[in-house]
Amino acid sequence: MKKNKLVLIVGYALGAIGGLAYYSFYSCEKGCAITSNPYLTMLMGAFMGGFLFQFIHETFFIKS
């Protein structure tokens, strides 16, 4: 169970970093709901990273 939590935390962290990078390269100042705010972009990236890492971990690394 500890490895699952570690994978999820790493996914959230890398997703948040990716969201911040997305904000710094593709942000707009008005009219964009998500990319106009760095916190929302980081939150979106964290959720996407966490879900992606969890999916990859459960699909390829857990033997059933």
Foldseek 3Di string as FASTA:
>chain_A
DVVLVVLLVVLLVVQLVVLLVCLVPPADCDDDDQSNDSVSSSNVRSVVSNVVSNVCCVPPPDDD
